[in-house]
């Protein structure tokens, strides 16, 4: 557990922030940077998936998002298969946002 933010080095008074290792302002900035390469619709759908708890960790770095297997850089949905560019589908975005929020241990 870190008592300082790994992004800016400031003291983290909240226990939840200390567990994540990043403060709320720095986490928001990081989420905004991650979402910059995606369309507004993809960002909205990824946040909805997280809100409805449709992202489950199966193994280390492997997640089940709805009915698809997804990692940070790959997904077996049609968007991930036919456009195999990193960050090409909303499922990958949901996984990245979950990792920034501290959902992985």
N, C-alpha and C. Protein backbone atom coordinates (compact mmCIF):
# COMPACT_ATOMS: atom_id res chain seq x y z
N UNK A 1 0.85 -1.17 0.00
CA UNK A 1 0.00 0.00 0.00
C UNK A 1 0.90 1.23 0.00
N UNK A 2 0.67 2.10 -0.97
CA UNK A 2 1.47 3.32 -1.11
C UNK A 2 0.77 4.49 -0.43
N UNK A 3 1.53 5.32 0.23
CA UNK A 3 0.94 6.50 0.86
C UNK A 3 1.13 7.74 -0.01
N UNK A 4 1.84 7.58 -1.12
CA UNK A 4 2.00 8.70 -2.06
C UNK A 4 1.52 8.26 -3.43
N UNK A 5 1.04 9.21 -4.20
CA UNK A 5 0.53 8.95 -5.55
C UNK A 5 1.69 8.58 -6.46
N UNK A 6 1.53 7.51 -7.25
CA UNK A 6 2.61 7.10 -8.15
C UNK A 6 2.72 8.01 -9.37
N UNK A 7 1.73 8.87 -9.59
CA UNK A 7 1.76 9.80 -10.71
C UNK A 7 2.44 11.12 -10.33
N UNK A 8 1.99 11.72 -9.22
CA UNK A 8 2.46 13.06 -8.88
C UNK A 8 3.29 13.12 -7.60
N UNK A 9 3.25 12.06 -6.79
CA UNK A 9 4.04 12.02 -5.57
C UNK A 9 3.40 12.67 -4.36
N UNK A 10 2.17 13.12 -4.48
CA UNK A 10 1.48 13.74 -3.34
C UNK A 10 1.02 12.69 -2.34
N UNK A 11 0.83 13.14 -1.10
CA UNK A 11 0.33 12.27 -0.04
C UNK A 11 -1.12 11.90 -0.31
N UNK A 12 -1.48 10.64 -0.08
CA UNK A 12 -2.84 10.15 -0.29
C UNK A 12 -3.51 9.92 1.07
N UNK A 13 -4.47 10.78 1.47
CA UNK A 13 -5.10 10.61 2.77
C UNK A 13 -6.14 9.49 2.80
N UNK A 14 -6.73 9.15 1.69
CA UNK A 14 -7.78 8.15 1.63
C UNK A 14 -7.19 6.74 1.56
N UNK A 15 -7.77 5.81 2.31
CA UNK A 15 -7.30 4.42 2.28
C UNK A 15 -7.53 3.79 0.91
N UNK A 16 -8.65 4.11 0.28
CA UNK A 16 -8.94 3.56 -1.05
C UNK A 16 -7.90 4.04 -2.06
N UNK A 17 -7.52 5.31 -1.99
CA UNK A 17 -6.49 5.83 -2.88
C UNK A 17 -5.14 5.20 -2.59
N UNK A 18 -4.85 4.96 -1.32
CA UNK A 18 -3.59 4.32 -0.96
C UNK A 18 -3.53 2.90 -1.50
N UNK A 19 -4.65 2.17 -1.47
CA UNK A 19 -4.68 0.82 -2.03
C UNK A 19 -4.45 0.83 -3.53
N UNK A 20 -5.06 1.81 -4.21
CA UNK A 20 -4.87 1.93 -5.66
C UNK A 20 -3.50 2.45 -6.01
N UNK A 21 -2.94 3.29 -5.13
CA UNK A 21 -1.63 3.87 -5.40
C UNK A 21 -1.68 5.12 -6.24
N UNK A 22 -2.89 5.65 -6.44
CA UNK A 22 -3.04 6.83 -7.28
C UNK A 22 -4.21 7.65 -6.73
N UNK A 23 -4.07 8.96 -6.75
CA UNK A 23 -5.11 9.85 -6.25
C UNK A 23 -6.25 10.01 -7.24
N UNK A 24 -7.39 10.55 -6.81
CA UNK A 24 -8.55 10.66 -7.68
C UNK A 24 -8.34 11.61 -8.87
N UNK A 25 -7.63 12.71 -8.66
CA UNK A 25 -7.39 13.64 -9.77
C UNK A 25 -6.47 13.02 -10.81
N UNK A 26 -5.41 12.36 -10.36
CA UNK A 26 -4.49 11.72 -11.30
C UNK A 26 -5.16 10.55 -12.02
N UNK A 27 -6.03 9.81 -11.33
CA UNK A 27 -6.75 8.71 -11.96
C UNK A 27 -7.69 9.23 -13.05
N UNK A 28 -8.34 10.36 -12.80
CA UNK A 28 -9.22 10.95 -13.81
C UNK A 28 -8.43 11.39 -15.03
N UNK A 29 -7.27 12.01 -14.80
CA UNK A 29 -6.42 12.42 -15.93
C UNK A 29 -5.97 11.22 -16.74
N UNK A 30 -5.62 10.13 -16.05
CA UNK A 30 -5.17 8.93 -16.74
C UNK A 30 -6.31 8.30 -17.54
N UNK A 31 -7.52 8.25 -16.95
CA UNK A 31 -8.69 7.72 -17.69
C UNK A 31 -8.98 8.54 -18.93
N UNK A 32 -8.84 9.86 -18.82
CA UNK A 32 -9.08 10.73 -19.97
C UNK A 32 -8.04 10.49 -21.06
N UNK A 33 -6.79 10.25 -20.68
CA UNK A 33 -5.74 9.96 -21.67
C UNK A 33 -6.01 8.63 -22.36
N UNK A 34 -6.45 7.64 -21.61
CA UNK A 34 -6.75 6.32 -22.19
C UNK A 34 -7.91 6.41 -23.16
N UNK A 35 -8.94 7.15 -22.80
CA UNK A 35 -10.15 7.25 -23.62
C UNK A 35 -9.98 8.16 -24.83
N UNK A 36 -8.86 8.86 -24.94
CA UNK A 36 -8.68 9.83 -26.02
C UNK A 36 -8.68 9.19 -27.41
N UNK A 37 -8.25 7.95 -27.55
CA UNK A 37 -8.19 7.31 -28.85
C UNK A 37 -9.47 6.62 -29.27
N UNK A 38 -10.50 6.71 -28.46
CA UNK A 38 -11.76 6.02 -28.74
C UNK A 38 -12.86 7.03 -29.03
N UNK A 39 -13.92 6.57 -29.70
CA UNK A 39 -15.06 7.44 -29.99
C UNK A 39 -15.89 7.65 -28.72
N UNK A 40 -16.73 8.68 -28.74
CA UNK A 40 -17.59 8.96 -27.58
C UNK A 40 -18.53 7.79 -27.29
N UNK A 41 -19.04 7.16 -28.33
CA UNK A 41 -19.94 6.03 -28.15
C UNK A 41 -19.22 4.86 -27.48
N UNK A 42 -17.98 4.57 -27.89
CA UNK A 42 -17.21 3.50 -27.27
C UNK A 42 -16.94 3.79 -25.80
N UNK A 43 -16.61 5.03 -25.49
CA UNK A 43 -16.34 5.42 -24.11
C UNK A 43 -17.60 5.25 -23.26
N UNK A 44 -18.73 5.69 -23.77
CA UNK A 44 -19.99 5.57 -23.05
C UNK A 44 -20.34 4.10 -22.80
N UNK A 45 -20.20 3.26 -23.82
CA UNK A 45 -20.54 1.85 -23.68
C UNK A 45 -19.58 1.14 -22.73
N UNK A 46 -18.30 1.49 -22.77
CA UNK A 46 -17.33 0.88 -21.85
C UNK A 46 -17.63 1.25 -20.41
N UNK A 47 -17.98 2.51 -20.17
CA UNK A 47 -18.33 2.93 -18.80
C UNK A 47 -19.61 2.26 -18.33
N UNK A 48 -20.57 2.05 -19.24
CA UNK A 48 -21.80 1.34 -18.88
C UNK A 48 -21.49 -0.11 -18.50
N UNK A 49 -20.57 -0.76 -19.23
CA UNK A 49 -20.20 -2.13 -18.89
C UNK A 49 -19.59 -2.20 -17.50
N UNK A 50 -18.75 -1.23 -17.17
CA UNK A 50 -18.16 -1.20 -15.83
C UNK A 50 -19.20 -0.92 -14.76
N UNK A 51 -20.11 -0.02 -15.05
CA UNK A 51 -21.15 0.35 -14.09
C UNK A 51 -22.06 -0.84 -13.79
N UNK A 52 -22.35 -1.66 -14.80
CA UNK A 52 -23.23 -2.81 -14.63
C UNK A 52 -22.47 -4.08 -14.28
N UNK A 53 -21.18 -3.94 -13.97
CA UNK A 53 -20.32 -5.06 -13.54
C UNK A 53 -20.32 -6.20 -14.54
N UNK A 54 -20.13 -5.87 -15.82
CA UNK A 54 -20.08 -6.88 -16.87
C UNK A 54 -18.64 -7.26 -17.22
N UNK A 55 -17.67 -6.79 -16.45
CA UNK A 55 -16.27 -7.10 -16.68
C UNK A 55 -15.79 -7.94 -15.50
N UNK A 56 -15.37 -9.18 -15.78
CA UNK A 56 -14.90 -10.08 -14.73
C UNK A 56 -13.51 -10.59 -15.08
N UNK A 57 -12.64 -10.60 -14.10
CA UNK A 57 -11.30 -11.10 -14.32
C UNK A 57 -11.31 -12.62 -14.22
N UNK A 58 -10.80 -13.28 -15.26
CA UNK A 58 -10.76 -14.74 -15.28
C UNK A 58 -9.39 -15.22 -14.80
N UNK A 59 -8.36 -14.71 -15.44
CA UNK A 59 -6.98 -15.00 -15.06
C UNK A 59 -6.22 -13.69 -15.07
N UNK A 60 -4.96 -13.75 -14.73
CA UNK A 60 -4.15 -12.54 -14.78
C UNK A 60 -4.12 -12.02 -16.21
N UNK A 61 -4.50 -10.78 -16.39
CA UNK A 61 -4.52 -10.09 -17.68
C UNK A 61 -5.56 -10.63 -18.66
N UNK A 62 -6.47 -11.49 -18.24
CA UNK A 62 -7.53 -11.99 -19.11
C UNK A 62 -8.86 -11.73 -18.41
N UNK A 63 -9.78 -11.12 -19.15
CA UNK A 63 -11.07 -10.72 -18.61
C UNK A 63 -12.18 -11.26 -19.47
N UNK A 64 -13.34 -11.43 -18.87
CA UNK A 64 -14.54 -11.73 -19.62
C UNK A 64 -15.39 -10.48 -19.59
N UNK A 65 -15.60 -9.90 -20.77
CA UNK A 65 -16.42 -8.71 -20.92
C UNK A 65 -17.64 -9.12 -21.73
N UNK A 66 -18.78 -9.12 -21.05
CA UNK A 66 -20.01 -9.69 -21.62
C UNK A 66 -19.70 -11.15 -21.97
N UNK A 67 -19.70 -11.52 -23.24
CA UNK A 67 -19.41 -12.91 -23.63
C UNK A 67 -18.09 -13.04 -24.37
N UNK A 68 -17.24 -12.01 -24.31
CA UNK A 68 -15.98 -12.01 -25.04
C UNK A 68 -14.79 -12.13 -24.08
N UNK A 69 -13.73 -12.78 -24.55
CA UNK A 69 -12.48 -12.81 -23.80
C UNK A 69 -11.64 -11.63 -24.27
N UNK A 70 -11.16 -10.87 -23.31
CA UNK A 70 -10.50 -9.62 -23.64
C UNK A 70 -9.26 -9.44 -22.77
N UNK A 71 -8.24 -8.87 -23.38
CA UNK A 71 -7.05 -8.43 -22.65
C UNK A 71 -6.85 -6.96 -22.97
N UNK A 72 -5.79 -6.36 -22.45
CA UNK A 72 -5.57 -4.95 -22.73
C UNK A 72 -5.33 -4.71 -24.23
N UNK A 73 -4.74 -5.68 -24.91
CA UNK A 73 -4.32 -5.47 -26.30
C UNK A 73 -5.04 -6.35 -27.31
N UNK A 74 -5.95 -7.21 -26.88
CA UNK A 74 -6.62 -8.11 -27.82
C UNK A 74 -8.02 -8.43 -27.32
N UNK A 75 -8.90 -8.74 -28.27
CA UNK A 75 -10.27 -9.12 -27.93
C UNK A 75 -10.77 -10.07 -29.02
N UNK A 76 -11.65 -11.00 -28.66
CA UNK A 76 -12.16 -11.92 -29.67
C UNK A 76 -13.52 -11.51 -30.21
N UNK A 77 -13.90 -10.24 -30.04
CA UNK A 77 -15.12 -9.74 -30.69
C UNK A 77 -14.79 -9.41 -32.15
N UNK A 78 -15.80 -9.09 -32.94
CA UNK A 78 -15.56 -8.80 -34.36
C UNK A 78 -14.64 -7.60 -34.55
N UNK A 79 -14.81 -6.57 -33.72
CA UNK A 79 -13.94 -5.40 -33.83
C UNK A 79 -12.49 -5.73 -33.51
N UNK A 80 -12.28 -6.59 -32.53
CA UNK A 80 -10.93 -6.98 -32.17
C UNK A 80 -10.30 -7.95 -33.16
N UNK A 81 -11.12 -8.79 -33.81
CA UNK A 81 -10.59 -9.76 -34.76
C UNK A 81 -10.30 -9.14 -36.13
N UNK A 82 -11.19 -8.29 -36.60
CA UNK A 82 -11.02 -7.74 -37.94
C UNK A 82 -10.26 -6.43 -37.96
N UNK A 83 -10.11 -5.80 -36.83
CA UNK A 83 -9.28 -4.61 -36.70
C UNK A 83 -8.30 -4.85 -35.55
N UNK A 84 -7.32 -5.72 -35.74
CA UNK A 84 -6.46 -6.12 -34.63
C UNK A 84 -5.44 -5.06 -34.22
N UNK A 85 -5.88 -3.83 -34.16
CA UNK A 85 -5.03 -2.74 -33.69
C UNK A 85 -5.29 -2.57 -32.21
N UNK A 86 -4.25 -2.34 -31.45
CA UNK A 86 -4.43 -2.17 -30.02
C UNK A 86 -5.39 -1.01 -29.75
N UNK A 87 -6.39 -1.28 -28.94
CA UNK A 87 -7.36 -0.24 -28.60
C UNK A 87 -8.42 -0.05 -29.65
N UNK A 88 -8.83 -1.14 -30.32
CA UNK A 88 -9.80 -0.99 -31.40
C UNK A 88 -11.23 -1.28 -30.98
N UNK A 89 -11.46 -1.79 -29.78
CA UNK A 89 -12.85 -2.08 -29.40
C UNK A 89 -13.15 -1.60 -27.98
N UNK A 90 -14.45 -1.48 -27.71
CA UNK A 90 -14.91 -0.95 -26.42
C UNK A 90 -14.61 -1.91 -25.27
N UNK A 91 -14.45 -3.20 -25.56
CA UNK A 91 -14.14 -4.16 -24.51
C UNK A 91 -12.73 -3.93 -23.96
N UNK A 92 -11.78 -3.64 -24.86
CA UNK A 92 -10.42 -3.33 -24.42
C UNK A 92 -10.39 -2.05 -23.60
N UNK A 93 -11.19 -1.08 -24.00
CA UNK A 93 -11.27 0.17 -23.25
C UNK A 93 -11.82 -0.09 -21.85
N UNK A 94 -12.84 -0.94 -21.72
CA UNK A 94 -13.40 -1.26 -20.41
C UNK A 94 -12.35 -1.90 -19.51
N UNK A 95 -11.54 -2.80 -20.07
CA UNK A 95 -10.48 -3.44 -19.29
C UNK A 95 -9.44 -2.42 -18.84
N UNK A 96 -9.05 -1.54 -19.73
CA UNK A 96 -8.06 -0.52 -19.36
C UNK A 96 -8.59 0.41 -18.28
N UNK A 97 -9.84 0.82 -18.40
CA UNK A 97 -10.43 1.70 -17.38
C UNK A 97 -10.54 0.98 -16.04
N UNK A 98 -10.84 -0.31 -16.07
CA UNK A 98 -10.91 -1.08 -14.83
C UNK A 98 -9.54 -1.17 -14.17
N UNK A 99 -8.51 -1.37 -14.97
CA UNK A 99 -7.16 -1.46 -14.40
C UNK A 99 -6.72 -0.14 -13.78
N UNK A 100 -7.10 0.96 -14.39
CA UNK A 100 -6.75 2.28 -13.82
C UNK A 100 -7.50 2.50 -12.52
N UNK A 101 -8.75 2.02 -12.46
CA UNK A 101 -9.54 2.20 -11.25
C UNK A 101 -9.06 1.31 -10.11
N UNK A 102 -8.16 0.41 -10.40
CA UNK A 102 -7.63 -0.45 -9.34
C UNK A 102 -8.41 -1.73 -9.16
N UNK A 103 -9.07 -2.17 -10.22
CA UNK A 103 -9.88 -3.39 -10.12
C UNK A 103 -9.09 -4.66 -10.17
N UNK A 104 -7.79 -4.61 -10.46
CA UNK A 104 -6.98 -5.81 -10.52
C UNK A 104 -6.05 -5.88 -9.33
N UNK A 105 -5.84 -7.03 -8.84
CA UNK A 105 -4.94 -7.26 -7.72
C UNK A 105 -3.99 -8.38 -8.05
